[in-house]
Protein backbone atom coordinates (compact mmCIF):
# COMPACT_ATOMS: atom_id res chain seq x y z
CA MET A 1 119.71 16.09 76.24
CA ALA A 2 118.05 19.22 77.97
CA GLN A 3 114.08 19.55 78.02
CA TYR A 4 112.67 22.99 76.98
CA ASP A 5 109.24 24.69 76.50
CA VAL A 6 110.95 27.20 74.17
CA VAL A 7 114.53 27.78 72.82
CA ILE A 8 115.32 30.63 70.64
CA ILE A 9 117.80 30.95 68.01
CA GLY A 10 119.51 34.53 68.19
CA GLY A 11 119.89 36.73 71.03
CA GLY A 12 119.14 39.89 69.07
CA PRO A 13 116.20 42.43 70.17
CA GLY A 14 113.74 39.67 68.88
CA GLY A 15 115.13 37.06 70.47
CA TYR A 16 116.10 38.42 74.06
CA ASN A 17 112.71 39.85 74.81
CA ALA A 18 110.85 36.78 73.68
CA ALA A 19 113.38 35.26 75.93
CA ILE A 20 112.24 37.57 78.76
CA ARG A 21 108.75 37.45 77.87
CA ALA A 22 108.83 33.74 78.08
CA GLY A 23 110.59 33.97 81.40
CA GLN A 24 107.92 35.82 82.84
CA LEU A 25 105.01 33.24 81.51
CA GLY A 26 106.77 30.73 83.56
CA LEU A 27 107.86 28.92 80.49
CA LYS A 28 111.15 26.67 80.74
CA THR A 29 113.48 28.80 78.25
CA ALA A 30 117.05 28.57 76.50
CA ILE A 31 118.38 31.34 74.00
CA VAL A 32 121.20 30.34 71.81
CA GLU A 33 123.06 33.00 70.50
CA GLY A 34 126.92 32.19 68.37
CA ARG A 35 128.45 36.00 68.46
CA GLY A 36 129.55 35.39 72.40
CA LYS A 37 127.56 38.55 73.00
CA LEU A 38 123.76 39.03 73.36
CA GLY A 39 121.82 41.99 71.57
CA GLY A 40 122.57 40.64 68.30
CA THR A 41 123.42 43.38 65.48
CA CYS A 42 121.73 45.94 67.17
CA LEU A 43 123.48 46.13 70.34
CA ASN A 44 126.79 44.88 69.19
CA VAL A 45 127.56 46.55 65.47
CA GLY A 46 124.17 48.42 64.48
CA CYS A 47 121.69 50.65 66.19
CA MET A 48 123.77 51.27 69.59
CA PRO A 49 127.25 51.68 68.67
CA SER A 50 126.10 54.00 65.72
CA LYS A 51 123.89 55.89 68.37
CA ALA A 52 126.89 56.26 70.62
CA LEU A 53 129.00 57.70 67.54
CA LEU A 54 126.08 59.97 66.25
CA HIS A 55 125.92 61.67 69.43
CA ALA A 56 129.52 61.98 70.32
CA SER A 57 130.02 63.38 66.50
CA GLU A 58 127.45 65.95 66.78
CA MET A 59 129.05 67.09 70.07
CA TYR A 60 132.07 67.67 68.22
CA ASP A 61 130.51 69.29 65.19
CA LEU A 62 128.80 72.04 67.34
CA ALA A 63 131.85 72.66 69.51
CA ALA A 64 134.33 72.77 66.09
CA ASN A 65 131.74 74.46 63.69
CA GLY A 66 130.82 77.76 65.78
CA GLU A 67 127.56 76.73 67.20
CA PHE A 68 128.97 76.83 70.89
CA ALA A 69 130.87 80.23 70.04
CA LYS A 70 127.21 81.53 69.25
CA LEU A 71 126.28 80.65 72.71
CA GLY A 72 129.14 82.14 74.07
CA ILE A 73 131.06 79.18 74.67
CA GLU A 74 134.45 79.78 72.99
CA VAL A 75 136.23 76.20 72.42
CA LYS A 76 138.78 74.76 70.17
CA PRO A 77 138.20 70.83 70.40
CA THR A 78 140.62 68.65 69.75
CA LEU A 79 139.49 65.08 68.31
CA ASN A 80 140.47 62.20 70.14
CA LEU A 81 139.36 59.26 67.58
CA PRO A 82 140.49 56.52 69.84
CA GLN A 83 138.82 57.85 72.83
CA MET A 84 135.63 58.04 71.15
CA MET A 85 135.47 54.80 70.06
CA ALA A 86 136.60 53.46 73.39
CA GLN A 87 133.51 55.07 75.05
CA LYS A 88 131.38 53.56 72.09
CA SER A 89 132.85 49.77 72.93
CA GLU A 90 132.49 50.74 76.78
CA SER A 91 128.92 51.62 76.31
CA VAL A 92 128.03 48.83 73.96
CA GLU A 93 130.01 46.21 76.69
CA ALA A 94 127.69 47.54 79.64
CA LEU A 95 124.43 47.19 77.32
CA THR A 96 124.98 43.52 76.20
CA LYS A 97 126.03 42.62 80.07
CA GLY A 98 122.75 44.14 80.96
CA VAL A 99 120.71 41.88 78.37
CA GLU A 100 122.97 38.81 79.78
CA PHE A 101 121.61 39.58 83.32
CA LEU A 102 118.04 39.87 82.20
CA MET A 103 118.14 36.69 80.95
CA LYS A 104 119.31 35.47 84.86
CA LYS A 105 116.66 37.59 86.31
CA ASN A 106 114.06 35.80 84.30
CA LYS A 107 115.34 32.15 84.36
CA VAL A 108 116.42 31.94 80.73
CA ASP A 109 119.07 29.19 79.86
CA TYR A 110 122.05 31.53 78.12
CA VAL A 111 123.72 28.92 75.59
CA LYS A 112 126.75 30.00 73.59
CA GLY A 113 127.16 29.00 70.25
CA TRP A 114 125.62 28.35 66.73
CA GLY A 115 122.60 26.72 66.88
CA ARG A 116 120.45 24.78 63.92
CA ILE A 117 117.70 22.84 63.80
CA ALA A 118 117.96 19.07 63.68
CA GLY A 119 114.62 18.02 63.01
CA PRO A 120 111.22 18.49 65.54
CA GLY A 121 111.82 19.67 68.47
CA LYS A 122 115.66 19.41 68.57
CA VAL A 123 118.17 22.29 68.40
CA VAL A 124 122.09 21.50 68.32
CA VAL A 125 124.30 24.20 69.48
CA LYS A 126 128.05 24.06 68.19
CA ALA A 127 130.30 25.39 70.83
CA GLU A 128 133.26 27.65 70.07
CA ASP A 129 135.73 24.85 70.63
CA GLY A 130 133.77 22.66 68.45
CA SER A 131 131.50 20.64 70.77
CA GLU A 132 127.98 20.00 70.12
CA ALA A 133 124.92 19.68 72.66
CA THR A 134 121.22 18.77 72.03
CA LEU A 135 118.26 20.75 73.16
CA GLU A 136 114.96 19.07 72.69
CA THR A 137 111.95 21.72 73.00
CA ARG A 138 108.10 22.20 72.16
CA ASN A 139 108.33 24.99 70.57
CA ILE A 140 111.71 26.46 68.33
CA VAL A 141 111.56 30.59 67.62
CA ILE A 142 113.76 31.67 64.91
CA ALA A 143 115.42 34.80 65.65
CA THR A 144 118.49 34.99 63.30
CA GLY A 145 118.10 38.62 62.06
CA SER A 146 119.82 39.77 59.40
CA GLU A 147 122.97 40.79 57.52
CA PRO A 148 124.42 43.66 54.99
CA THR A 149 123.22 42.80 51.32
CA PRO A 150 126.08 42.37 49.42
CA LEU A 151 126.67 44.57 46.06
CA PRO A 152 127.05 42.43 42.79
CA GLY A 153 130.56 43.94 41.47
CA VAL A 154 131.79 45.42 44.97
CA SER A 155 133.97 43.32 47.14
CA VAL A 156 133.81 43.99 50.65
CA ASP A 157 137.25 44.07 52.42
CA ASN A 158 136.00 46.09 55.51
CA VAL A 159 139.30 48.20 54.91
CA ARG A 160 139.13 50.59 52.20
CA ILE A 161 135.42 48.86 51.01
CA VAL A 162 133.21 48.59 54.11
CA ASP A 163 129.70 47.43 55.41
CA SER A 164 128.22 48.97 58.59
CA THR A 165 130.03 46.95 61.01
CA GLY A 166 133.52 48.12 59.28
CA ALA A 167 132.55 51.91 59.34
CA LEU A 168 131.47 51.76 62.75
CA SER A 169 135.29 51.20 63.75
CA LEU A 170 137.78 53.18 60.57
CA PRO A 171 141.07 53.83 61.94
CA GLU A 172 141.03 57.60 61.01
CA VAL A 173 138.63 60.20 59.51
CA PRO A 174 138.35 59.81 56.11
CA LYS A 175 138.99 63.05 53.98
CA THR A 176 136.80 61.72 51.09
CA MET A 177 134.14 59.26 51.58
CA ILE A 178 131.31 57.55 49.08
CA ILE A 179 128.08 56.10 50.59
CA VAL A 180 126.40 53.23 48.09
CA GLY A 181 122.82 53.79 49.41
CA ALA A 182 120.99 57.04 50.43
CA GLY A 183 118.99 54.85 53.19
CA VAL A 184 118.62 55.25 57.00
CA ILE A 185 122.26 53.23 57.55
CA GLY A 186 124.12 54.99 54.81
CA LEU A 187 122.92 58.86 56.08
CA GLU A 188 123.40 57.80 59.70
CA LEU A 189 127.41 56.72 59.33
CA GLY A 190 127.55 59.08 56.58
CA SER A 191 126.52 61.72 59.01
CA VAL A 192 129.12 60.73 61.77
CA TRP A 193 131.91 60.76 59.30
CA ARG A 194 131.05 64.05 57.67
CA ARG A 195 130.72 65.63 61.03
CA LEU A 196 134.29 64.65 62.14
CA GLY A 197 135.96 66.12 58.72
CA ALA A 198 134.82 63.95 55.98
CA GLU A 199 133.64 65.15 52.40
CA VAL A 200 130.56 62.61 52.28
CA THR A 201 129.38 61.72 48.48
CA VAL A 202 126.34 59.53 48.79
CA VAL A 203 125.62 57.36 45.64
CA GLU A 204 122.13 56.27 44.72
CA TYR A 205 120.27 53.89 42.37
CA LEU A 206 116.78 55.97 42.84
CA ASP A 207 116.53 59.16 42.16
CA ARG A 208 115.55 60.10 45.41
CA ILE A 209 116.89 59.36 48.90
CA CYS A 210 115.15 57.46 51.83
CA PRO A 211 112.88 54.95 49.48
CA GLY A 212 109.91 54.69 50.65
CA MET A 213 109.45 57.61 53.02
CA ASP A 214 106.83 60.24 52.49
CA ASP A 215 108.31 62.23 49.27
CA GLU A 216 107.78 65.93 50.86
CA THR A 217 109.59 64.82 53.86
CA ALA A 218 112.48 63.33 52.00
CA LYS A 219 112.92 66.20 49.95
CA VAL A 220 113.10 68.36 53.43
CA PHE A 221 115.80 66.03 54.75
CA GLN A 222 118.09 66.10 51.67
CA ARG A 223 118.02 69.84 51.68
CA SER A 224 119.24 69.83 54.85
CA LEU A 225 122.04 67.44 54.53
CA THR A 226 122.88 69.00 51.37
CA LYS A 227 123.41 72.46 53.56
CA GLN A 228 125.52 70.34 56.00
CA GLY A 229 128.10 69.27 52.91
CA PHE A 230 126.57 66.13 51.90
CA LYS A 231 126.56 65.69 47.72
CA PHE A 232 124.14 63.27 46.24
CA GLN A 233 124.73 61.67 43.00
CA LEU A 234 121.28 60.08 42.53
CA GLY A 235 120.03 57.74 39.88
CA ALA A 236 123.53 56.16 39.79
CA LYS A 237 124.11 52.59 39.10
CA VAL A 238 127.16 51.33 40.64
CA THR A 239 128.89 48.89 38.30
CA GLY A 240 132.46 48.35 40.37
CA ALA A 241 134.74 49.36 43.19
CA LYS A 242 138.39 48.60 43.48
CA ALA A 243 140.42 48.98 46.35
CA SER A 244 143.83 49.97 46.83
CA ALA A 245 145.92 50.70 49.78
CA THR A 246 145.37 54.05 49.99
CA GLY A 247 141.76 54.18 48.96
CA ALA A 248 138.76 53.20 46.57
CA GLU A 249 137.53 53.96 43.17
CA LEU A 250 133.79 53.29 42.56
CA THR A 251 132.32 53.15 38.91
CA PHE A 252 128.67 54.02 38.47
CA GLU A 253 126.60 54.97 35.10
CA PRO A 254 123.62 57.10 35.11
CA VAL A 255 120.52 54.71 35.36
CA ALA A 256 118.81 57.01 32.92
CA GLY A 257 121.78 56.40 30.41
CA GLY A 258 124.89 58.22 29.80
CA GLU A 259 128.73 57.88 30.02
CA PRO A 260 130.58 55.85 32.73
CA GLN A 261 131.39 57.57 36.05
CA THR A 262 134.20 57.01 38.29
CA LEU A 263 134.56 58.44 41.72
CA SER A 264 137.62 58.02 43.98
CA ALA A 265 137.65 58.08 47.86
CA ASP A 266 139.62 57.03 51.03
CA TYR A 267 136.74 54.58 51.89
CA VAL A 268 133.40 53.51 50.19
CA LEU A 269 130.71 52.29 52.61
CA VAL A 270 128.07 49.97 51.04
CA ALA A 271 125.11 50.47 52.64
CA ILE A 272 122.08 49.15 49.93
CA GLY A 273 120.29 47.49 52.88
CA ARG A 274 120.10 43.64 54.94
CA ARG A 275 119.27 40.43 53.86
CA PRO A 276 117.58 37.49 56.21
CA TYR A 277 120.06 35.36 57.86
CA THR A 278 119.81 31.79 57.89
CA GLU A 279 122.93 29.89 56.55
CA GLY A 280 123.35 26.43 58.32
CA LEU A 281 119.83 26.82 60.08
CA GLY A 282 118.90 23.44 59.40
CA LEU A 283 115.42 24.58 58.29
CA ASP A 284 115.58 21.62 55.41
CA THR A 285 115.23 19.34 58.23
CA VAL A 286 111.83 20.48 59.27
CA GLY A 287 110.48 21.31 55.45
CA VAL A 288 110.68 25.18 56.17
CA VAL A 289 111.79 26.91 52.71
CA PRO A 290 112.68 30.75 52.74
CA ASP A 291 111.67 32.72 49.53
CA LYS A 292 114.15 34.06 46.85
CA ARG A 293 114.85 36.98 48.95
CA GLY A 294 115.76 34.40 52.19
CA VAL A 295 112.36 35.60 53.85
CA ILE A 296 110.95 33.01 55.65
CA ALA A 297 106.89 33.34 55.86
CA ASN A 298 104.93 33.28 58.72
CA ASN A 299 101.29 33.16 60.13
CA HIS A 300 101.13 34.70 62.93
CA TYR A 301 104.76 33.97 63.54
CA LYS A 302 104.09 30.28 62.93
CA THR A 303 106.33 28.59 60.02
CA GLY A 304 105.12 26.00 57.91
CA ALA A 305 106.53 23.25 60.40
CA GLU A 306 104.75 22.57 63.54
CA GLY A 307 106.01 24.02 67.01
CA VAL A 308 108.62 26.24 64.72
CA TRP A 309 107.96 30.31 64.86
CA VAL A 310 109.86 33.14 63.35
CA ILE A 311 110.41 36.62 64.36
CA GLY A 312 112.27 39.90 63.53
CA ASP A 313 114.17 40.70 60.20
CA VAL A 314 114.48 37.34 59.05
CA THR A 315 110.55 37.34 58.37
CA SER A 316 108.36 39.65 56.40
CA GLY A 317 107.76 43.44 57.30
CA PRO A 318 110.50 46.35 58.07
CA MET A 319 113.70 45.41 59.55
CA LEU A 320 113.68 47.39 62.68
CA ALA A 321 115.00 46.14 66.49
CA HIS A 322 111.27 47.28 67.54
CA LYS A 323 109.27 45.49 65.48
CA ALA A 324 111.35 42.61 66.18
CA GLU A 325 110.44 43.09 69.92
CA ASP A 326 106.96 43.35 69.58
CA GLU A 327 106.97 40.11 67.36
CA GLY A 328 109.08 38.45 70.20
CA VAL A 329 106.22 39.38 72.55
CA ALA A 330 103.24 38.70 70.69
CA CYS A 331 105.07 35.09 69.64
CA ILE A 332 105.27 33.99 73.09
CA GLU A 333 101.99 35.08 74.22
CA LEU A 334 100.82 32.92 71.71
CA ILE A 335 102.85 30.36 72.70
CA ALA A 336 101.67 30.43 76.20
CA GLY A 337 98.00 30.71 74.45
CA LYS A 338 97.19 34.18 75.09
CA ALA A 339 96.47 36.63 72.62
CA GLY A 340 99.63 38.29 70.84
CA HIS A 341 99.34 40.69 68.12
CA VAL A 342 101.34 43.39 66.46
CA ASN A 343 99.75 46.32 65.08
CA TYR A 344 101.38 46.86 61.96
CA ASP A 345 100.32 49.78 60.68
CA ILE A 346 102.06 51.84 63.33
CA ILE A 347 105.14 50.71 63.64
CA PRO A 348 107.38 53.99 63.64
CA GLY A 349 110.44 54.47 61.56
CA VAL A 350 113.22 56.99 62.67
CA ILE A 351 116.40 58.27 61.37
CA TYR A 352 119.14 59.62 63.85
CA THR A 353 120.82 62.01 62.06
CA LYS A 354 120.06 65.91 62.77
CA PRO A 355 117.65 66.85 62.48
CA GLU A 356 116.16 63.67 63.12
CA VAL A 357 113.24 61.97 60.80
CA ALA A 358 110.42 60.33 62.17
CA THR A 359 107.62 58.73 60.58
CA VAL A 360 104.44 56.67 61.27
CA GLY A 361 101.32 55.32 59.34
CA LYS A 362 100.93 56.16 55.77
CA THR A 363 102.63 58.56 53.26
CA GLU A 364 100.51 60.98 50.96
CA GLU A 365 101.86 58.94 48.31
CA GLU A 366 100.28 55.69 49.73
CA LEU A 367 96.84 57.63 50.46
CA LYS A 368 96.59 58.68 46.80
CA ALA A 369 97.24 55.53 45.32
CA ALA A 370 94.44 54.18 47.66
CA GLY A 371 92.02 56.64 46.83
CA ILE A 372 91.81 57.61 50.48
CA ALA A 373 90.66 61.46 50.86
CA TYR A 374 92.99 63.18 53.55
CA LYS A 375 93.56 66.74 54.90
CA VAL A 376 97.15 67.94 55.91
CA GLY A 377 98.16 70.21 58.71
CA LYS A 378 102.03 70.86 58.46
CA PHE A 379 103.94 73.16 60.68
CA PRO A 380 107.77 74.45 60.64
CA PHE A 381 110.19 74.12 63.33
CA THR A 382 110.98 77.84 62.44
CA ALA A 383 108.29 79.05 64.47
CA ASN A 384 108.71 76.78 67.73
CA SER A 385 109.84 78.81 70.27
CA ARG A 386 112.14 76.08 71.37
CA ALA A 387 113.15 75.37 68.44
CA LYS A 388 114.39 78.82 67.63
CA ILE A 389 116.19 79.75 71.17
CA ASN A 390 117.78 76.44 70.68
CA HIS A 391 119.10 77.26 67.10
CA GLU A 392 118.06 74.05 65.78
CA ASN A 393 114.66 75.36 63.97
CA GLU A 394 115.19 72.66 60.44
CA GLY A 395 112.63 70.81 59.43
CA GLN A 396 108.48 70.22 59.84
CA VAL A 397 106.17 68.38 60.97
CA LYS A 398 103.21 67.06 58.63
CA VAL A 399 100.03 65.40 59.85
CA LEU A 400 97.57 63.35 57.40
CA ALA A 401 93.98 62.79 58.14
CA ASP A 402 90.89 61.17 57.10
CA ALA A 403 88.69 63.82 55.35
CA LYS A 404 85.77 62.48 56.61
CA THR A 405 86.29 60.79 60.20
CA ASP A 406 89.38 62.88 61.33
CA ARG A 407 91.36 59.87 62.24
CA ILE A 408 95.02 60.27 61.97
CA LEU A 409 96.52 58.19 59.19
CA GLY A 410 100.15 59.43 59.10
CA VAL A 411 103.08 61.38 60.76
CA HIS A 412 106.11 62.33 58.98
CA ALA A 413 108.25 64.86 60.93
CA VAL A 414 111.80 66.12 60.24
CA GLY A 415 113.39 68.51 63.01
CA PRO A 416 114.94 68.25 66.50
CA SER A 417 113.78 65.10 69.10
CA VAL A 418 111.29 63.96 66.35
CA GLY A 419 112.62 60.63 67.16
CA ASP A 420 110.90 60.97 70.83
CA MET A 421 108.38 62.79 70.06
CA ILE A 422 106.91 60.45 67.23
CA ALA A 423 105.53 58.13 70.23
CA GLU A 424 102.82 60.84 70.84
CA TYR A 425 101.05 59.76 67.68
CA CYS A 426 101.70 56.17 67.96
CA VAL A 427 99.64 56.34 70.62
CA ALA A 428 96.80 58.50 69.60
CA MET A 429 96.92 56.24 66.34
CA GLU A 430 96.76 52.94 68.42
CA PHE A 431 93.40 54.41 70.40
CA GLY A 432 92.30 55.51 66.81
CA GLY A 433 92.91 59.36 67.46
CA SER A 434 91.80 61.93 65.47
CA SER A 435 93.93 65.10 64.73
CA GLU A 436 91.53 67.37 66.96
CA ASP A 437 92.08 64.80 69.77
CA VAL A 438 96.22 66.10 69.87
CA ALA A 439 95.21 69.57 68.72
CA ARG A 440 93.29 69.92 71.84
CA THR A 441 95.68 68.33 74.08
CA CYS A 442 97.78 70.82 76.32
CA HIS A 443 101.38 70.27 75.82
CA PRO A 444 103.97 71.98 77.74
CA HIS A 445 105.51 75.33 76.59
CA PRO A 446 108.13 76.33 75.55
CA THR A 447 109.08 72.72 74.14
CA ARG A 448 109.67 71.19 70.88
CA SER A 449 106.61 68.90 71.30
CA GLU A 450 104.21 72.28 70.73
CA ALA A 451 105.31 71.64 66.93
CA MET A 452 103.72 68.47 66.82
CA ARG A 453 100.33 69.55 68.12
CA GLN A 454 100.38 72.71 66.14
CA ALA A 455 100.61 70.49 62.82
CA ALA A 456 97.66 68.58 64.26
CA MET A 457 95.87 72.25 64.62
CA GLY A 458 96.67 72.56 60.97
CA VAL A 459 94.90 70.00 59.82
CA GLU A 460 91.63 72.05 60.39
CA GLY A 461 93.20 75.40 59.59
CA TRP A 462 93.84 77.21 62.85
CA ILE A 463 97.54 76.94 63.43
CA MET A 464 98.27 79.25 66.63
CA GLN A 465 101.59 79.93 66.40
CA ALA A 466 102.65 80.76 62.30
């Protein structure tokens, strides 16, 4: 039996970053992954391949629909979908190999196979050939991530009715596509296929898109998507779906009451969220019981079992790769006797559509519900010089600050490159910064980042550029 300080089950962003940190701190570490490649959902069938297709489809859309012509670049693009998929796969392969290199660099043993807990301090790994090996360890870190949430009455075959994995590898551009779920995954993947030529209809149970997002920001975002050709069927409860050789039919009924309706399309994408993945993990052997949603509870990443820890999508909090990464680092630092910590009030969220959406901190609705007095500063990208000359002036930045202390409480942006620029506010908020701190910090001109500053100026009513 191999003896370890830490065995990590799951090779996604939470798991592999935990492994790297453990190696850096001198802990004898193994990481167990059954997929055959490190990187988890994010690198293999999630964040990274979707961004590869979002980037490629955006370039195609700009060339095909007149944006290049406006700039004096006249081209007639031809879509080569197999090549677009091939470059996606090449990029993913390079990233997963990069993670494997980082394991070697940090002296982490990479054990291929499906891991299960077999009692305190024991992890059994079943390899592809069926053979099993037992790893003995002082600490087990569960980092098994999540899987697409199934929709009752809808059977995903990943041929005509697909989940997020299937939607990343369609063999053709659909003429029509139905997205079930108006969240991050559905809107990003819907954007890919809409840009390549599909007519996209989004069916959502709630009466709004992007549940949990600041209301005004969601409305600004929806208006932009509608201009791009998205159709929305909100307040609709899906009751079933049937696939045929050439397409699929989706049935739904209005949540508020009314006659059932049917929509037909070439493909249906079910994207109603994700759920923790704990299948075959052997939690019962150490007395760990997930809740009814499958979530494993934690207290500073400790489960109820001695020496068993949990991070990432499989435990509480937002299902985001960067949240899992931070938890992995904090968890390992606690195991090593250091002070690990994650500030859950400052975890940004980004939707990588065009325009992008980026948020951090509290929404207006949350502040109102908590009875916190706040001020608002808003600045439109139509008034940002760089955005205007780049013909990408949709959206706005909104800053929420405490009415008494001016401390930044939340930032919500729709616009070009806001996914990168939101980090400025994450840093400011981590240091307890005020809107005035950002407003009085010199920003380079002409850049999109000036919109972030101008919105901060707006909190005290001294916007300069609009």
